[in-house]
Amino acid sequence: MSRNSKLISENLREEIAKELGVYEQVKKDGGSWGSVSSKDCGNIVSKAIEIANRAVENK
């Protein structure tokens, strides 16, 4: 898998960031995720994994 492949869609990442209160920072920085802390990025990934696990369980 290449480094540039997207594992989380942009829409899902934005939805989770909004839910966690991080998206305002991204919006303020013109859409750049560079200023989002590694802790917040980790929380976004954790939430995405949680959503994926629920989707698999519901199949």
C-alpha atoms as a PDB file:
ATOM      1  CA  MET A   1       0.000   0.000   0.000  1.00  0.00           C
ATOM      2  CA  SER A   2       1.399   3.372  -0.918  1.00  0.00           C
ATOM      3  CA  ARG A   3       1.910   6.094   1.635  1.00  0.00           C
ATOM      4  CA  ASN A   4      -0.506   8.362  -0.212  1.00  0.00           C
ATOM      5  CA  SER A   5      -3.510   6.047  -0.113  1.00  0.00           C
ATOM      6  CA  LYS A   6      -6.415   7.291   1.971  1.00  0.00           C
ATOM      7  CA  LEU A   7      -7.590   4.953   4.699  1.00  0.00           C
ATOM      8  CA  ILE A   8     -10.229   7.380   5.973  1.00  0.00           C
ATOM      9  CA  SER A   9     -12.347   9.356   3.546  1.00  0.00           C
ATOM     10  CA  GLU A  10     -12.072  13.116   3.770  1.00  0.00           C
ATOM     11  CA  ASN A  11     -15.775  13.366   4.658  1.00  0.00           C
ATOM     12  CA  LEU A  12     -15.485  10.880   7.526  1.00  0.00           C
ATOM     13  CA  ARG A  13     -12.360  12.585   8.844  1.00  0.00           C
ATOM     14  CA  GLU A  14     -14.120  15.966   8.785  1.00  0.00           C
ATOM     15  CA  GLU A  15     -17.226  14.574  10.509  1.00  0.00           C
ATOM     16  CA  ILE A  16     -15.169  13.018  13.282  1.00  0.00           C
ATOM     17  CA  ALA A  17     -13.086  16.191  13.656  1.00  0.00           C
ATOM     18  CA  LYS A  18     -16.286  18.214  14.014  1.00  0.00           C
ATOM     19  CA  GLU A  19     -17.594  15.770  16.606  1.00  0.00           C
ATOM     20  CA  LEU A  20     -14.345  16.036  18.577  1.00  0.00           C
ATOM     21  CA  GLY A  21     -14.178  19.833  18.263  1.00  0.00           C
ATOM     22  CA  VAL A  22     -11.010  19.865  16.162  1.00  0.00           C
ATOM     23  CA  TYR A  23     -12.393  20.926  12.786  1.00  0.00           C
ATOM     24  CA  GLU A  24     -12.532  24.641  13.620  1.00  0.00           C
ATOM     25  CA  GLN A  25      -8.727  24.659  13.828  1.00  0.00           C
ATOM     26  CA  VAL A  26      -8.471  22.944  10.431  1.00  0.00           C
ATOM     27  CA  LYS A  27     -10.936  25.415   8.917  1.00  0.00           C
ATOM     28  CA  LYS A  28      -9.063  28.352  10.466  1.00  0.00           C
ATOM     29  CA  ASP A  29      -5.837  27.116   8.860  1.00  0.00           C
ATOM     30  CA  GLY A  30      -7.390  26.949   5.397  1.00  0.00           C
ATOM     31  CA  GLY A  31      -8.033  23.205   5.429  1.00  0.00           C
ATOM     32  CA  SER A  32      -4.553  22.234   6.574  1.00  0.00           C
ATOM     33  CA  TRP A  33      -4.365  19.385   9.089  1.00  0.00           C
ATOM     34  CA  GLY A  34      -0.768  20.295   9.955  1.00  0.00           C
ATOM     35  CA  SER A  35      -1.677  22.245  13.077  1.00  0.00           C
ATOM     36  CA  VAL A  36      -3.825  19.466  14.560  1.00  0.00           C
ATOM     37  CA  SER A  37      -1.999  17.856  17.469  1.00  0.00           C
ATOM     38  CA  SER A  38      -0.898  14.238  17.275  1.00  0.00           C
ATOM     39  CA  LYS A  39      -3.171  13.508  20.237  1.00  0.00           C
ATOM     40  CA  ASP A  40      -6.190  14.856  18.340  1.00  0.00           C
ATOM     41  CA  CYS A  41      -5.165  12.939  15.208  1.00  0.00           C
ATOM     42  CA  GLY A  42      -4.939   9.797  17.323  1.00  0.00           C
ATOM     43  CA  ASN A  43      -8.420  10.471  18.685  1.00  0.00           C
ATOM     44  CA  ILE A  44      -9.743  10.816  15.133  1.00  0.00           C
ATOM     45  CA  VAL A  45      -8.175   7.491  14.155  1.00  0.00           C
ATOM     46  CA  SER A  46      -9.537   5.793  17.285  1.00  0.00           C
ATOM     47  CA  LYS A  47     -13.031   7.064  16.531  1.00  0.00           C
ATOM     48  CA  ALA A  48     -12.770   5.894  12.899  1.00  0.00           C
ATOM     49  CA  ILE A  49     -11.734   2.420  14.081  1.00  0.00           C
ATOM     50  CA  GLU A  50     -14.660   2.382  16.492  1.00  0.00           C
ATOM     51  CA  ILE A  51     -17.055   3.281  13.651  1.00  0.00           C
ATOM     52  CA  ALA A  52     -15.542   0.602  11.385  1.00  0.00           C
ATOM     53  CA  ASN A  53     -15.836  -2.042  14.110  1.00  0.00           C
ATOM     54  CA  ARG A  54     -19.498  -1.175  14.644  1.00  0.00           C
ATOM     55  CA  ALA A  55     -20.140  -1.416  10.906  1.00  0.00           C
ATOM     56  CA  VAL A  56     -18.568  -4.894  10.781  1.00  0.00           C
ATOM     57  CA  GLU A  57     -20.518  -6.062  13.827  1.00  0.00           C
ATOM     58  CA  ASN A  58     -23.800  -4.928  12.254  1.00  0.00           C
ATOM     59  CA  LYS A  59     -23.295  -6.958   9.061  1.00  0.00           C
END
